[in-house]
């Protein structure tokens, strides 16, 4: 599994559109909690549109972020703790 870092959601969306690779994790550990939350919610939707049977793996570094994410319906996510 590769760890990928994206500077913004548009880079991620473009990667998903052009790639068939599902064996990667998005490393969000360098983003602040609010940017990470926004990225997770939007990226899970883009990912689901192309790979509805797979889970998007995201690496985070905050327990607070895990608590915030639990309030959203993002069943296609696998959150990994850094």
Protein backbone atom coordinates (compact mmCIF):
# COMPACT_ATOMS: atom_id res chain seq x y z
CA UNK A 1 0.00 0.00 0.00
CA UNK A 2 1.26 3.46 -0.93
CA UNK A 3 0.82 6.56 1.22
CA UNK A 4 -0.18 9.53 -0.92
CA UNK A 5 -0.26 13.19 0.03
CA UNK A 6 -2.43 15.67 -1.84
CA UNK A 7 -2.21 19.45 -1.47
CA UNK A 8 -5.88 19.94 -2.17
CA UNK A 9 -9.09 18.11 -2.95
CA UNK A 10 -8.85 18.89 -6.67
CA UNK A 11 -5.58 16.97 -6.95
CA UNK A 12 -7.25 14.01 -5.24
CA UNK A 13 -10.32 14.19 -7.49
CA UNK A 14 -8.10 14.22 -10.60
CA UNK A 15 -6.09 11.27 -9.28
CA UNK A 16 -9.24 9.24 -8.67
CA UNK A 17 -10.63 10.05 -12.11
CA UNK A 18 -7.50 8.83 -13.88
CA UNK A 19 -6.30 6.01 -11.64
CA UNK A 20 -7.57 2.49 -11.17
CA UNK A 21 -5.40 2.04 -8.09
CA UNK A 22 -7.30 1.33 -4.87
CA UNK A 23 -4.36 0.16 -2.77
CA UNK A 24 -3.29 3.44 -1.20
CA UNK A 25 -3.81 5.56 1.90
CA UNK A 26 -4.20 9.33 1.88
CA UNK A 27 -1.88 10.87 4.46
CA UNK A 28 -3.66 13.82 6.12
CA UNK A 29 -1.35 14.05 9.09
CA UNK A 30 0.18 17.32 7.88
CA UNK A 31 -3.21 19.11 7.58
CA UNK A 32 -4.99 20.94 10.37
CA UNK A 33 -8.13 19.38 11.81
CA UNK A 34 -10.60 21.47 9.78
CA UNK A 35 -8.83 20.97 6.45
CA UNK A 36 -8.58 17.25 7.19
CA UNK A 37 -12.28 17.00 7.97
CA UNK A 38 -13.23 18.84 4.77
CA UNK A 39 -10.87 16.65 2.75
CA UNK A 40 -12.22 13.43 4.26
CA UNK A 41 -15.87 14.25 3.62
CA UNK A 42 -15.32 15.38 0.03
CA UNK A 43 -12.79 12.71 -0.89
CA UNK A 44 -14.98 9.91 0.44
CA UNK A 45 -17.70 11.00 -1.99
CA UNK A 46 -15.33 11.18 -4.98
CA UNK A 47 -13.87 7.81 -4.05
CA UNK A 48 -17.30 6.21 -3.62
CA UNK A 49 -18.41 7.39 -7.08
CA UNK A 50 -15.59 5.46 -8.73
CA UNK A 51 -15.03 2.60 -6.27
CA UNK A 52 -18.34 1.98 -4.45
CA UNK A 53 -17.24 -1.40 -3.04
CA UNK A 54 -13.88 -0.23 -1.68
CA UNK A 55 -12.88 1.79 1.37
CA UNK A 56 -10.75 4.90 1.22
CA UNK A 57 -7.91 4.72 3.73
CA UNK A 58 -6.95 8.00 5.44
CA UNK A 59 -4.08 8.52 7.84
CA UNK A 60 -4.80 11.10 10.56
CA UNK A 61 -2.88 12.28 13.60
CA UNK A 62 -5.65 13.54 15.88
CA UNK A 63 -8.10 11.78 18.14
CA UNK A 64 -10.25 14.91 17.95
CA UNK A 65 -10.56 14.40 14.21
CA UNK A 66 -11.70 10.82 14.78
CA UNK A 67 -14.46 12.14 17.04
CA UNK A 68 -15.56 14.71 14.44
CA UNK A 69 -15.64 12.15 11.63
CA UNK A 70 -17.88 9.83 13.62
CA UNK A 71 -20.69 12.39 13.22
CA UNK A 72 -20.70 12.01 9.43
CA UNK A 73 -22.06 9.19 7.32
CA UNK A 74 -18.85 8.08 5.64
CA UNK A 75 -19.14 4.30 5.60
CA UNK A 76 -16.57 3.88 2.85
CA UNK A 77 -13.68 5.12 5.03
CA UNK A 78 -11.00 3.32 6.94
CA UNK A 79 -9.29 5.73 9.31
CA UNK A 80 -5.71 4.87 10.25
CA UNK A 81 -4.04 6.57 13.21
CA UNK A 82 -0.55 7.98 12.60
